[in-house]
């Protein structure tokens, strides 16, 4: 009964979710400014990579970055030369990441485009079809090889995480969702991955709700928790489990889920005024 109740509530949240409103308050707003797949891919990766902290903070940085890139992010990246063009990113930094990190990021993207023609090809390069985590780890390993002769700050690798280190890889999974899912506000321009291979972009809101719904027993918001929550969502929709990501995250952001109280007789989550208990 509990499984049915949860699925019914999640489906209702998905049906009623205002995707147009989400678009105005989400980093996916930036790749939506472009129509060509190559521009969407590059704009999406940059936007997702810097999507940490308060949205008002990273949004201003992204606005400045895309203004400097001009009409085509792909064209800017493809032509980027670390020696001649580093000054184009002067003054661009954000929280953990310095101006030097930004220059290295654009150098990396330029090298990847030159070698693989697209980010999709680069992610597919190390992909084992049984686990999309291999694509993320493979992309990180590829990045390390490309940059092995370049001086790179430790802070740079915050932009290129990997499950092998235990990271939940929230921002990479967010980018993959944008590229792979072909409905709602996602683009579906990548064809080498399936929707059911994606892993949910795990943040504190998703982690808290996942715990309250009994989707995971883990206490640490890491890759294993993200996989557990995704597997639980696959029971609701085997082909497209991440369709619930939007509504679940939104409920957490606006504070509808406060977490489970100690010694409660079950996990309780408030969905549109309906109190549901795990049984």
Foldseek 3Di string as FASTA:
>chain_A
DLLVVVLVLLVVLLVPDDLVVVCVQALLVQLVVDDDPQQSLQSLLVSLLQPDDHSVQSVVLSVLVVVLQPPGVNVSLLPDDLVPCLCSQPPRAGDLGDSVLVSLVSPLSNVCCVVQVHVLSQLVVQDDQVASLRSLVSNLVVSCVVCVVPDDDPSSCSSRDGCVVFALPLSVLVSVCLCCDVDRSRNNVRDPHFQLNGWHNDDPQLLQVCVLSVQDPDPDRTNVSRVSNSVSLCVSPVRHSCSSNVSSSVCSVVPQRPHADPPDPARWGARPNDTDGDD
